[in-house]
Amino acid sequence: WVHNERDRIILKRVLLDNIHYEPLAE
């Protein structure tokens, strides 16, 4: 359901890997 590759990476890192926004943005 998430068609943008970057957004898929973001969602996976946040929801599955529990990465916080700031380190992920970096």
mmCIF file of all heavy atoms, coordinates in Angstrom:
data_MODEL
# 
_entry.id   MODEL 
# 
loop_
_atom_site.group_PDB 
_atom_site.id 
_atom_site.type_symbol 
_atom_site.label_atom_id 
_atom_site.label_alt_id 
_atom_site.label_comp_id 
_atom_site.label_asym_id 
_atom_site.label_entity_id 
_atom_site.label_seq_id 
_atom_site.pdbx_PDB_ins_code 
_atom_site.Cartn_x 
_atom_site.Cartn_y 
_atom_site.Cartn_z 
_atom_site.occupancy 
_atom_site.B_iso_or_equiv 
_atom_site.pdbx_formal_charge 
_atom_site.auth_seq_id 
_atom_site.auth_comp_id 
_atom_site.auth_asym_id 
_atom_site.auth_atom_id 
_atom_site.pdbx_PDB_model_num 
ATOM 1   N N   . TRP A 1 1  ? 0.775  -1.240 0.000  1.00 0.00 ? 1  TRP A N   1 
ATOM 2   C CA  . TRP A 1 1  ? 0.000  0.000  0.000  1.00 0.00 ? 1  TRP A CA  1 
ATOM 3   C C   . TRP A 1 1  ? 0.805  1.289  0.000  1.00 0.00 ? 1  TRP A C   1 
ATOM 4   O O   . TRP A 1 1  ? 0.245  2.358  -0.197 1.00 0.00 ? 1  TRP A O   1 
ATOM 5   C CB  . TRP A 1 1  ? -0.984 -0.014 1.167  1.00 0.00 ? 1  TRP A CB  1 
ATOM 6   C CG  . TRP A 1 1  ? -1.945 -1.135 1.009  1.00 0.00 ? 1  TRP A CG  1 
ATOM 7   C CD1 . TRP A 1 1  ? -1.899 -2.353 1.612  1.00 0.00 ? 1  TRP A CD1 1 
ATOM 8   C CD2 . TRP A 1 1  ? -3.077 -1.175 0.144  1.00 0.00 ? 1  TRP A CD2 1 
ATOM 9   N NE1 . TRP A 1 1  ? -2.945 -3.151 1.179  1.00 0.00 ? 1  TRP A NE1 1 
ATOM 10  C CE2 . TRP A 1 1  ? -3.682 -2.449 0.272  1.00 0.00 ? 1  TRP A CE2 1 
ATOM 11  C CE3 . TRP A 1 1  ? -3.654 -0.250 -0.734 1.00 0.00 ? 1  TRP A CE3 1 
ATOM 12  C CZ2 . TRP A 1 1  ? -4.825 -2.817 -0.433 1.00 0.00 ? 1  TRP A CZ2 1 
ATOM 13  C CZ3 . TRP A 1 1  ? -4.789 -0.620 -1.430 1.00 0.00 ? 1  TRP A CZ3 1 
ATOM 14  C CH2 . TRP A 1 1  ? -5.356 -1.886 -1.277 1.00 0.00 ? 1  TRP A CH2 1 
ATOM 15  N N   . VAL A 1 2  ? 2.116  1.208  0.221  1.00 0.00 ? 2  VAL A N   1 
ATOM 16  C CA  . VAL A 1 2  ? 2.959  2.411  0.167  1.00 0.00 ? 2  VAL A CA  1 
ATOM 17  C C   . VAL A 1 2  ? 3.781  2.319  -1.113 1.00 0.00 ? 2  VAL A C   1 
ATOM 18  O O   . VAL A 1 2  ? 4.668  1.489  -1.223 1.00 0.00 ? 2  VAL A O   1 
ATOM 19  C CB  . VAL A 1 2  ? 3.867  2.523  1.414  1.00 0.00 ? 2  VAL A CB  1 
ATOM 20  C CG1 . VAL A 1 2  ? 4.749  3.761  1.328  1.00 0.00 ? 2  VAL A CG1 1 
ATOM 21  C CG2 . VAL A 1 2  ? 3.015  2.545  2.686  1.00 0.00 ? 2  VAL A CG2 1 
ATOM 22  N N   . HIS A 1 3  ? 3.456  3.162  -2.070 1.00 0.00 ? 3  HIS A N   1 
ATOM 23  C CA  . HIS A 1 3  ? 4.032  3.015  -3.414 1.00 0.00 ? 3  HIS A CA  1 
ATOM 24  C C   . HIS A 1 3  ? 5.357  3.753  -3.606 1.00 0.00 ? 3  HIS A C   1 
ATOM 25  O O   . HIS A 1 3  ? 6.124  3.411  -4.492 1.00 0.00 ? 3  HIS A O   1 
ATOM 26  C CB  . HIS A 1 3  ? 3.013  3.452  -4.463 1.00 0.00 ? 3  HIS A CB  1 
ATOM 27  C CG  . HIS A 1 3  ? 1.725  2.687  -4.355 1.00 0.00 ? 3  HIS A CG  1 
ATOM 28  N ND1 . HIS A 1 3  ? 1.643  1.324  -4.570 1.00 0.00 ? 3  HIS A ND1 1 
ATOM 29  C CD2 . HIS A 1 3  ? 0.486  3.067  -4.000 1.00 0.00 ? 3  HIS A CD2 1 
ATOM 30  C CE1 . HIS A 1 3  ? 0.413  0.917  -4.383 1.00 0.00 ? 3  HIS A CE1 1 
ATOM 31  N NE2 . HIS A 1 3  ? -0.324 1.950  -4.020 1.00 0.00 ? 3  HIS A NE2 1 
ATOM 32  N N   . ASN A 1 4  ? 5.633  4.725  -2.786 1.00 0.00 ? 4  ASN A N   1 
ATOM 33  C CA  . ASN A 1 4  ? 6.880  5.478  -2.880 1.00 0.00 ? 4  ASN A CA  1 
ATOM 34  C C   . ASN A 1 4  ? 7.977  4.721  -2.117 1.00 0.00 ? 4  ASN A C   1 
ATOM 35  O O   . ASN A 1 4  ? 7.817  4.409  -0.937 1.00 0.00 ? 4  ASN A O   1 
ATOM 36  C CB  . ASN A 1 4  ? 6.657  6.876  -2.281 1.00 0.00 ? 4  ASN A CB  1 
ATOM 37  C CG  . ASN A 1 4  ? 7.901  7.731  -2.309 1.00 0.00 ? 4  ASN A CG  1 
ATOM 38  O OD1 . ASN A 1 4  ? 8.837  7.489  -1.558 1.00 0.00 ? 4  ASN A OD1 1 
ATOM 39  N ND2 . ASN A 1 4  ? 7.893  8.717  -3.173 1.00 0.00 ? 4  ASN A ND2 1 
ATOM 40  N N   . GLU A 1 5  ? 9.085  4.449  -2.789 1.00 0.00 ? 5  GLU A N   1 
ATOM 41  C CA  . GLU A 1 5  ? 10.146 3.633  -2.189 1.00 0.00 ? 5  GLU A CA  1 
ATOM 42  C C   . GLU A 1 5  ? 10.718 4.264  -0.918 1.00 0.00 ? 5  GLU A C   1 
ATOM 43  O O   . GLU A 1 5  ? 10.924 3.591  0.093  1.00 0.00 ? 5  GLU A O   1 
ATOM 44  C CB  . GLU A 1 5  ? 11.270 3.391  -3.198 1.00 0.00 ? 5  GLU A CB  1 
ATOM 45  C CG  . GLU A 1 5  ? 12.372 2.506  -2.644 1.00 0.00 ? 5  GLU A CG  1 
ATOM 46  C CD  . GLU A 1 5  ? 13.495 2.253  -3.633 1.00 0.00 ? 5  GLU A CD  1 
ATOM 47  O OE1 . GLU A 1 5  ? 13.413 2.728  -4.775 1.00 0.00 ? 5  GLU A OE1 1 
ATOM 48  O OE2 . GLU A 1 5  ? 14.458 1.579  -3.232 1.00 0.00 ? 5  GLU A OE2 1 
ATOM 49  N N   . ARG A 1 6  ? 10.983 5.570  -0.962 1.00 0.00 ? 6  ARG A N   1 
ATOM 50  C CA  . ARG A 1 6  ? 11.519 6.245  0.218  1.00 0.00 ? 6  ARG A CA  1 
ATOM 51  C C   . ARG A 1 6  ? 10.539 6.152  1.393  1.00 0.00 ? 6  ARG A C   1 
ATOM 52  O O   . ARG A 1 6  ? 10.932 5.894  2.530  1.00 0.00 ? 6  ARG A O   1 
ATOM 53  C CB  . ARG A 1 6  ? 11.843 7.706  -0.078 1.00 0.00 ? 6  ARG A CB  1 
ATOM 54  C CG  . ARG A 1 6  ? 12.499 8.409  1.118  1.00 0.00 ? 6  ARG A CG  1 
ATOM 55  C CD  . ARG A 1 6  ? 12.657 9.879  0.908  1.00 0.00 ? 6  ARG A CD  1 
ATOM 56  N NE  . ARG A 1 6  ? 11.328 10.473 0.834  1.00 0.00 ? 6  ARG A NE  1 
ATOM 57  C CZ  . ARG A 1 6  ? 11.071 11.666 0.336  1.00 0.00 ? 6  ARG A CZ  1 
ATOM 58  N NH1 . ARG A 1 6  ? 12.027 12.403 -0.158 1.00 0.00 ? 6  ARG A NH1 1 
ATOM 59  N NH2 . ARG A 1 6  ? 9.851  12.150 0.320  1.00 0.00 ? 6  ARG A NH2 1 
ATOM 60  N N   . ASP A 1 7  ? 9.255  6.332  1.113  1.00 0.00 ? 7  ASP A N   1 
ATOM 61  C CA  . ASP A 1 7  ? 8.250  6.246  2.165  1.00 0.00 ? 7  ASP A CA  1 
ATOM 62  C C   . ASP A 1 7  ? 8.160  4.827  2.736  1.00 0.00 ? 7  ASP A C   1 
ATOM 63  O O   . ASP A 1 7  ? 7.972  4.649  3.935  1.00 0.00 ? 7  ASP A O   1 
ATOM 64  C CB  . ASP A 1 7  ? 6.882  6.699  1.654  1.00 0.00 ? 7  ASP A CB  1 
ATOM 65  C CG  . ASP A 1 7  ? 6.817  8.200  1.412  1.00 0.00 ? 7  ASP A CG  1 
ATOM 66  O OD1 . ASP A 1 7  ? 7.810  8.909  1.710  1.00 0.00 ? 7  ASP A OD1 1 
ATOM 67  O OD2 . ASP A 1 7  ? 5.775  8.678  0.933  1.00 0.00 ? 7  ASP A OD2 1 
ATOM 68  N N   . ARG A 1 8  ? 8.327  3.815  1.878  1.00 0.00 ? 8  ARG A N   1 
ATOM 69  C CA  . ARG A 1 8  ? 8.342  2.424  2.363  1.00 0.00 ? 8  ARG A CA  1 
ATOM 70  C C   . ARG A 1 8  ? 9.501  2.212  3.335  1.00 0.00 ? 8  ARG A C   1 
ATOM 71  O O   . ARG A 1 8  ? 9.332  1.599  4.385  1.00 0.00 ? 8  ARG A O   1 
ATOM 72  C CB  . ARG A 1 8  ? 8.458  1.431  1.198  1.00 0.00 ? 8  ARG A CB  1 
ATOM 73  C CG  . ARG A 1 8  ? 7.163  1.146  0.490  1.00 0.00 ? 8  ARG A CG  1 
ATOM 74  C CD  . ARG A 1 8  ? 7.247  -0.097 -0.380 1.00 0.00 ? 8  ARG A CD  1 
ATOM 75  N NE  . ARG A 1 8  ? 8.350  -0.096 -1.323 1.00 0.00 ? 8  ARG A NE  1 
ATOM 76  C CZ  . ARG A 1 8  ? 8.285  0.409  -2.551 1.00 0.00 ? 8  ARG A CZ  1 
ATOM 77  N NH1 . ARG A 1 8  ? 7.174  0.957  -3.003 1.00 0.00 ? 8  ARG A NH1 1 
ATOM 78  N NH2 . ARG A 1 8  ? 9.328  0.361  -3.342 1.00 0.00 ? 8  ARG A NH2 1 
ATOM 79  N N   . ILE A 1 9  ? 10.658 2.728  2.965  1.00 0.00 ? 9  ILE A N   1 
ATOM 80  C CA  . ILE A 1 9  ? 11.836 2.610  3.835  1.00 0.00 ? 9  ILE A CA  1 
ATOM 81  C C   . ILE A 1 9  ? 11.569 3.297  5.172  1.00 0.00 ? 9  ILE A C   1 
ATOM 82  O O   . ILE A 1 9  ? 11.839 2.734  6.240  1.00 0.00 ? 9  ILE A O   1 
ATOM 83  C CB  . ILE A 1 9  ? 13.087 3.211  3.150  1.00 0.00 ? 9  ILE A CB  1 
ATOM 84  C CG1 . ILE A 1 9  ? 13.497 2.349  1.950  1.00 0.00 ? 9  ILE A CG1 1 
ATOM 85  C CG2 . ILE A 1 9  ? 14.240 3.350  4.151  1.00 0.00 ? 9  ILE A CG2 1 
ATOM 86  C CD1 . ILE A 1 9  ? 14.508 3.006  1.026  1.00 0.00 ? 9  ILE A CD1 1 
ATOM 87  N N   . ILE A 1 10 ? 11.012 4.492  5.120  1.00 0.00 ? 10 ILE A N   1 
ATOM 88  C CA  . ILE A 1 10 ? 10.707 5.250  6.339  1.00 0.00 ? 10 ILE A CA  1 
ATOM 89  C C   . ILE A 1 10 ? 9.749  4.466  7.225  1.00 0.00 ? 10 ILE A C   1 
ATOM 90  O O   . ILE A 1 10 ? 9.989  4.300  8.423  1.00 0.00 ? 10 ILE A O   1 
ATOM 91  C CB  . ILE A 1 10 ? 10.137 6.639  5.996  1.00 0.00 ? 10 ILE A CB  1 
ATOM 92  C CG1 . ILE A 1 10 ? 11.225 7.525  5.373  1.00 0.00 ? 10 ILE A CG1 1 
ATOM 93  C CG2 . ILE A 1 10 ? 9.539  7.313  7.235  1.00 0.00 ? 10 ILE A CG2 1 
ATOM 94  C CD1 . ILE A 1 10 ? 10.704 8.821  4.747  1.00 0.00 ? 10 ILE A CD1 1 
ATOM 95  N N   . LEU A 1 11 ? 8.654  3.985  6.651  1.00 0.00 ? 11 LEU A N   1 
ATOM 96  C CA  . LEU A 1 11 ? 7.657  3.251  7.436  1.00 0.00 ? 11 LEU A CA  1 
ATOM 97  C C   . LEU A 1 11 ? 8.253  1.989  8.050  1.00 0.00 ? 11 LEU A C   1 
ATOM 98  O O   . LEU A 1 11 ? 8.007  1.687  9.224  1.00 0.00 ? 11 LEU A O   1 
ATOM 99  C CB  . LEU A 1 11 ? 6.454  2.874  6.569  1.00 0.00 ? 11 LEU A CB  1 
ATOM 100 C CG  . LEU A 1 11 ? 5.273  3.840  6.467  1.00 0.00 ? 11 LEU A CG  1 
ATOM 101 C CD1 . LEU A 1 11 ? 4.459  3.877  7.725  1.00 0.00 ? 11 LEU A CD1 1 
ATOM 102 C CD2 . LEU A 1 11 ? 5.636  5.198  5.995  1.00 0.00 ? 11 LEU A CD2 1 
ATOM 103 N N   . LYS A 1 12 ? 9.038  1.256  7.291  1.00 0.00 ? 12 LYS A N   1 
ATOM 104 C CA  . LYS A 1 12 ? 9.646  0.033  7.812  1.00 0.00 ? 12 LYS A CA  1 
ATOM 105 C C   . LYS A 1 12 ? 10.612 0.336  8.948  1.00 0.00 ? 12 LYS A C   1 
ATOM 106 O O   . LYS A 1 12 ? 10.609 -0.348 9.975  1.00 0.00 ? 12 LYS A O   1 
ATOM 107 C CB  . LYS A 1 12 ? 10.382 -0.724 6.705  1.00 0.00 ? 12 LYS A CB  1 
ATOM 108 C CG  . LYS A 1 12 ? 9.455  -1.431 5.749  1.00 0.00 ? 12 LYS A CG  1 
ATOM 109 C CD  . LYS A 1 12 ? 10.261 -2.126 4.671  1.00 0.00 ? 12 LYS A CD  1 
ATOM 110 C CE  . LYS A 1 12 ? 9.359  -2.759 3.634  1.00 0.00 ? 12 LYS A CE  1 
ATOM 111 N NZ  . LYS A 1 12 ? 10.128 -3.425 2.577  1.00 0.00 ? 12 LYS A NZ  1 
ATOM 112 N N   . ARG A 1 13 ? 11.438 1.359  8.766  1.00 0.00 ? 13 ARG A N   1 
ATOM 113 C CA  . ARG A 1 13 ? 12.427 1.691  9.801  1.00 0.00 ? 13 ARG A CA  1 
ATOM 114 C C   . ARG A 1 13 ? 11.741 2.157  11.085 1.00 0.00 ? 13 ARG A C   1 
ATOM 115 O O   . ARG A 1 13 ? 12.187 1.830  12.177 1.00 0.00 ? 13 ARG A O   1 
ATOM 116 C CB  . ARG A 1 13 ? 13.411 2.755  9.302  1.00 0.00 ? 13 ARG A CB  1 
ATOM 117 C CG  . ARG A 1 13 ? 14.260 2.315  8.123  1.00 0.00 ? 13 ARG A CG  1 
ATOM 118 C CD  . ARG A 1 13 ? 15.290 1.281  8.483  1.00 0.00 ? 13 ARG A CD  1 
ATOM 119 N NE  . ARG A 1 13 ? 16.419 1.938  9.134  1.00 0.00 ? 13 ARG A NE  1 
ATOM 120 C CZ  . ARG A 1 13 ? 17.097 1.418  10.157 1.00 0.00 ? 13 ARG A CZ  1 
ATOM 121 N NH1 . ARG A 1 13 ? 16.781 0.260  10.646 1.00 0.00 ? 13 ARG A NH1 1 
ATOM 122 N NH2 . ARG A 1 13 ? 18.093 2.075  10.677 1.00 0.00 ? 13 ARG A NH2 1 
ATOM 123 N N   . VAL A 1 14 ? 10.656 2.906  10.950 1.00 0.00 ? 14 VAL A N   1 
ATOM 124 C CA  . VAL A 1 14 ? 9.961  3.417  12.136 1.00 0.00 ? 14 VAL A CA  1 
ATOM 125 C C   . VAL A 1 14 ? 9.100  2.333  12.775 1.00 0.00 ? 14 VAL A C   1 
ATOM 126 O O   . VAL A 1 14 ? 9.198  2.086  13.976 1.00 0.00 ? 14 VAL A O   1 
ATOM 127 C CB  . VAL A 1 14 ? 9.118  4.667  11.790 1.00 0.00 ? 14 VAL A CB  1 
ATOM 128 C CG1 . VAL A 1 14 ? 8.214  5.063  12.946 1.00 0.00 ? 14 VAL A CG1 1 
ATOM 129 C CG2 . VAL A 1 14 ? 10.025 5.840  11.413 1.00 0.00 ? 14 VAL A CG2 1 
ATOM 130 N N   . LEU A 1 15 ? 8.267  1.672  11.984 1.00 0.00 ? 15 LEU A N   1 
ATOM 131 C CA  . LEU A 1 15 ? 7.316  0.715  12.547 1.00 0.00 ? 15 LEU A CA  1 
ATOM 132 C C   . LEU A 1 15 ? 7.940  -0.636 12.910 1.00 0.00 ? 15 LEU A C   1 
ATOM 133 O O   . LEU A 1 15 ? 7.530  -1.267 13.881 1.00 0.00 ? 15 LEU A O   1 
ATOM 134 C CB  . LEU A 1 15 ? 6.150  0.493  11.592 1.00 0.00 ? 15 LEU A CB  1 
ATOM 135 C CG  . LEU A 1 15 ? 5.258  1.711  11.332 1.00 0.00 ? 15 LEU A CG  1 
ATOM 136 C CD1 . LEU A 1 15 ? 4.218  1.374  10.276 1.00 0.00 ? 15 LEU A CD1 1 
ATOM 137 C CD2 . LEU A 1 15 ? 4.601  2.184  12.620 1.00 0.00 ? 15 LEU A CD2 1 
ATOM 138 N N   . LEU A 1 16 ? 8.905  -1.081 12.140 1.00 0.00 ? 16 LEU A N   1 
ATOM 139 C CA  . LEU A 1 16 ? 9.475  -2.412 12.383 1.00 0.00 ? 16 LEU A CA  1 
ATOM 140 C C   . LEU A 1 16 ? 10.784 -2.361 13.165 1.00 0.00 ? 16 LEU A C   1 
ATOM 141 O O   . LEU A 1 16 ? 11.046 -3.223 13.997 1.00 0.00 ? 16 LEU A O   1 
ATOM 142 C CB  . LEU A 1 16 ? 9.685  -3.139 11.051 1.00 0.00 ? 16 LEU A CB  1 
ATOM 143 C CG  . LEU A 1 16 ? 8.417  -3.356 10.223 1.00 0.00 ? 16 LEU A CG  1 
ATOM 144 C CD1 . LEU A 1 16 ? 8.765  -3.924 8.859  1.00 0.00 ? 16 LEU A CD1 1 
ATOM 145 C CD2 . LEU A 1 16 ? 7.441  -4.260 10.965 1.00 0.00 ? 16 LEU A CD2 1 
ATOM 146 N N   . ASP A 1 17 ? 11.609 -1.351 12.892 1.00 0.00 ? 17 ASP A N   1 
ATOM 147 C CA  . ASP A 1 17 ? 12.918 -1.261 13.545 1.00 0.00 ? 17 ASP A CA  1 
ATOM 148 C C   . ASP A 1 17 ? 12.909 -0.302 14.735 1.00 0.00 ? 17 ASP A C   1 
ATOM 149 O O   . ASP A 1 17 ? 13.908 -0.178 15.430 1.00 0.00 ? 17 ASP A O   1 
ATOM 150 C CB  . ASP A 1 17 ? 13.985 -0.821 12.541 1.00 0.00 ? 17 ASP A CB  1 
ATOM 151 C CG  . ASP A 1 17 ? 14.116 -1.789 11.373 1.00 0.00 ? 17 ASP A CG  1 
ATOM 152 O OD1 . ASP A 1 17 ? 13.776 -2.976 11.538 1.00 0.00 ? 17 ASP A OD1 1 
ATOM 153 O OD2 . ASP A 1 17 ? 14.563 -1.356 10.295 1.00 0.00 ? 17 ASP A OD2 1 
ATOM 154 N N   . ASN A 1 18 ? 11.786 0.404  14.907 1.00 0.00 ? 18 ASN A N   1 
ATOM 155 C CA  . ASN A 1 18 ? 11.612 1.324  16.040 1.00 0.00 ? 18 ASN A CA  1 
ATOM 156 C C   . ASN A 1 18 ? 12.671 2.438  16.073 1.00 0.00 ? 18 ASN A C   1 
ATOM 157 O O   . ASN A 1 18 ? 13.155 2.819  17.135 1.00 0.00 ? 18 ASN A O   1 
ATOM 158 C CB  . ASN A 1 18 ? 11.608 0.542  17.352 1.00 0.00 ? 18 ASN A CB  1 
ATOM 159 C CG  . ASN A 1 18 ? 10.609 1.092  18.325 1.00 0.00 ? 18 ASN A CG  1 
ATOM 160 O OD1 . ASN A 1 18 ? 9.727  1.857  17.957 1.00 0.00 ? 18 ASN A OD1 1 
ATOM 161 N ND2 . ASN A 1 18 ? 10.744 0.709  19.568 1.00 0.00 ? 18 ASN A ND2 1 
ATOM 162 N N   . ILE A 1 19 ? 13.044 2.921  14.894 1.00 0.00 ? 19 ILE A N   1 
ATOM 163 C CA  . ILE A 1 19 ? 14.020 4.002  14.779 1.00 0.00 ? 19 ILE A CA  1 
ATOM 164 C C   . ILE A 1 19 ? 13.305 5.336  14.972 1.00 0.00 ? 19 ILE A C   1 
ATOM 165 O O   . ILE A 1 19 ? 12.234 5.558  14.405 1.00 0.00 ? 19 ILE A O   1 
ATOM 166 C CB  . ILE A 1 19 ? 14.709 3.969  13.385 1.00 0.00 ? 19 ILE A CB  1 
ATOM 167 C CG1 . ILE A 1 19 ? 15.387 2.622  13.153 1.00 0.00 ? 19 ILE A CG1 1 
ATOM 168 C CG2 . ILE A 1 19 ? 15.680 5.119  13.219 1.00 0.00 ? 19 ILE A CG2 1 
ATOM 169 C CD1 . ILE A 1 19 ? 16.524 2.291  14.075 1.00 0.00 ? 19 ILE A CD1 1 
ATOM 170 N N   . HIS A 1 20 ? 13.913 6.225  15.735 1.00 0.00 ? 20 HIS A N   1 
ATOM 171 C CA  . HIS A 1 20 ? 13.331 7.549  15.955 1.00 0.00 ? 20 HIS A CA  1 
ATOM 172 C C   . HIS A 1 20 ? 13.549 8.439  14.733 1.00 0.00 ? 20 HIS A C   1 
ATOM 173 O O   . HIS A 1 20 ? 14.433 8.193  13.916 1.00 0.00 ? 20 HIS A O   1 
ATOM 174 C CB  . HIS A 1 20 ? 13.938 8.187  17.201 1.00 0.00 ? 20 HIS A CB  1 
ATOM 175 C CG  . HIS A 1 20 ? 13.502 7.502  18.453 1.00 0.00 ? 20 HIS A CG  1 
ATOM 176 N ND1 . HIS A 1 20 ? 12.392 7.871  19.152 1.00 0.00 ? 20 HIS A ND1 1 
ATOM 177 C CD2 . HIS A 1 20 ? 14.022 6.436  19.113 1.00 0.00 ? 20 HIS A CD2 1 
ATOM 178 C CE1 . HIS A 1 20 ? 12.239 7.086  20.185 1.00 0.00 ? 20 HIS A CE1 1 
ATOM 179 N NE2 . HIS A 1 20 ? 13.213 6.190  20.188 1.00 0.00 ? 20 HIS A NE2 1 
ATOM 180 N N   . TYR A 1 21 ? 12.715 9.462  14.627 1.00 0.00 ? 21 TYR A N   1 
ATOM 181 C CA  . TYR A 1 21 ? 12.699 10.324 13.440 1.00 0.00 ? 21 TYR A CA  1 
ATOM 182 C C   . TYR A 1 21 ? 14.046 10.978 13.144 1.00 0.00 ? 21 TYR A C   1 
ATOM 183 O O   . TYR A 1 21 ? 14.494 10.990 11.994 1.00 0.00 ? 21 TYR A O   1 
ATOM 184 C CB  . TYR A 1 21 ? 11.645 11.421 13.585 1.00 0.00 ? 21 TYR A CB  1 
ATOM 185 C CG  . TYR A 1 21 ? 10.222 10.927 13.720 1.00 0.00 ? 21 TYR A CG  1 
ATOM 186 C CD1 . TYR A 1 21 ? 9.248  11.754 14.244 1.00 0.00 ? 21 TYR A CD1 1 
ATOM 187 C CD2 . TYR A 1 21 ? 9.841  9.654  13.320 1.00 0.00 ? 21 TYR A CD2 1 
ATOM 188 C CE1 . TYR A 1 21 ? 7.923  11.323 14.374 1.00 0.00 ? 21 TYR A CE1 1 
ATOM 189 C CE2 . TYR A 1 21 ? 8.531  9.217  13.440 1.00 0.00 ? 21 TYR A CE2 1 
ATOM 190 C CZ  . TYR A 1 21 ? 7.576  10.055 13.965 1.00 0.00 ? 21 TYR A CZ  1 
ATOM 191 O OH  . TYR A 1 21 ? 6.285  9.635  14.079 1.00 0.00 ? 21 TYR A OH  1 
ATOM 192 N N   . GLU A 1 22 ? 14.688 11.543 14.161 1.00 0.00 ? 22 GLU A N   1 
ATOM 193 C CA  . GLU A 1 22 ? 15.929 12.290 13.938 1.00 0.00 ? 22 GLU A CA  1 
ATOM 194 C C   . GLU A 1 22 ? 17.065 11.420 13.377 1.00 0.00 ? 22 GLU A C   1 
ATOM 195 O O   . GLU A 1 22 ? 17.660 11.782 12.354 1.00 0.00 ? 22 GLU A O   1 
ATOM 196 C CB  . GLU A 1 22 ? 16.379 13.011 15.217 1.00 0.00 ? 22 GLU A CB  1 
ATOM 197 C CG  . GLU A 1 22 ? 15.467 14.147 15.632 1.00 0.00 ? 22 GLU A CG  1 
ATOM 198 C CD  . GLU A 1 22 ? 14.212 13.698 16.394 1.00 0.00 ? 22 GLU A CD  1 
ATOM 199 O OE1 . GLU A 1 22 ? 14.059 12.480 16.696 1.00 0.00 ? 22 GLU A OE1 1 
ATOM 200 O OE2 . GLU A 1 22 ? 13.365 14.559 16.677 1.00 0.00 ? 22 GLU A OE2 1 
ATOM 201 N N   . PRO A 1 23 ? 17.352 10.268 14.007 1.00 0.00 ? 23 PRO A N   1 
ATOM 202 C CA  . PRO A 1 23 ? 18.412 9.420  13.437 1.00 0.00 ? 23 PRO A CA  1 
ATOM 203 C C   . PRO A 1 23 ? 18.066 8.898  12.037 1.00 0.00 ? 23 PRO A C   1 
ATOM 204 O O   . PRO A 1 23 ? 18.943 8.760  11.196 1.00 0.00 ? 23 PRO A O   1 
ATOM 205 C CB  . PRO A 1 23 ? 18.539 8.257  14.418 1.00 0.00 ? 23 PRO A CB  1 
ATOM 206 C CG  . PRO A 1 23 ? 17.844 8.679  15.650 1.00 0.00 ? 23 PRO A CG  1 
ATOM 207 C CD  . PRO A 1 23 ? 16.869 9.749  15.273 1.00 0.00 ? 23 PRO A CD  1 
ATOM 208 N N   . LEU A 1 24 ? 16.786 8.637  11.809 1.00 0.00 ? 24 LEU A N   1 
ATOM 209 C CA  . LEU A 1 24 ? 16.369 8.154  10.491 1.00 0.00 ? 24 LEU A CA  1 
ATOM 210 C C   . LEU A 1 24 ? 16.544 9.243  9.433  1.00 0.00 ? 24 LEU A C   1 
ATOM 211 O O   . LEU A 1 24 ? 17.031 8.970  8.331  1.00 0.00 ? 24 LEU A O   1 
ATOM 212 C CB  . LEU A 1 24 ? 14.917 7.677  10.527 1.00 0.00 ? 24 LEU A CB  1 
ATOM 213 C CG  . LEU A 1 24 ? 14.367 7.134  9.217  1.00 0.00 ? 24 LEU A CG  1 
ATOM 214 C CD1 . LEU A 1 24 ? 15.212 5.985  8.672  1.00 0.00 ? 24 LEU A CD1 1 
ATOM 215 C CD2 . LEU A 1 24 ? 12.924 6.694  9.389  1.00 0.00 ? 24 LEU A CD2 1 
ATOM 216 N N   . ALA A 1 25 ? 16.183 10.461 9.783  1.00 0.00 ? 25 ALA A N   1 
ATOM 217 C CA  . ALA A 1 25 ? 16.364 11.576 8.849  1.00 0.00 ? 25 ALA A CA  1 
ATOM 218 C C   . ALA A 1 25 ? 17.843 11.729 8.492  1.00 0.00 ? 25 ALA A C   1 
ATOM 219 O O   . ALA A 1 25 ? 18.191 11.914 7.321  1.00 0.00 ? 25 ALA A O   1 
ATOM 220 C CB  . ALA A 1 25 ? 15.826 12.864 9.467  1.00 0.00 ? 25 ALA A CB  1 
ATOM 221 N N   . GLU A 1 26 ? 18.684 11.607 9.499  1.00 0.00 ? 26 GLU A N   1 
ATOM 222 C CA  . GLU A 1 26 ? 20.128 11.684 9.267  1.00 0.00 ? 26 GLU A CA  1 
ATOM 223 C C   . GLU A 1 26 ? 20.604 10.540 8.378  1.00 0.00 ? 26 GLU A C   1 
ATOM 224 O O   . GLU A 1 26 ? 21.377 10.738 7.433  1.00 0.00 ? 26 GLU A O   1 
ATOM 225 C CB  . GLU A 1 26 ? 20.847 11.625 10.615 1.00 0.00 ? 26 GLU A CB  1 
ATOM 226 C CG  . GLU A 1 26 ? 22.033 12.531 10.707 1.00 0.00 ? 26 GLU A CG  1 
ATOM 227 C CD  . GLU A 1 26 ? 22.568 12.580 12.120 1.00 0.00 ? 26 GLU A CD  1 
ATOM 228 O OE1 . GLU A 1 26 ? 22.037 13.370 12.928 1.00 0.00 ? 26 GLU A OE1 1 
ATOM 229 O OE2 . GLU A 1 26 ? 23.527 11.814 12.402 1.00 0.00 ? 26 GLU A OE2 1 
# 
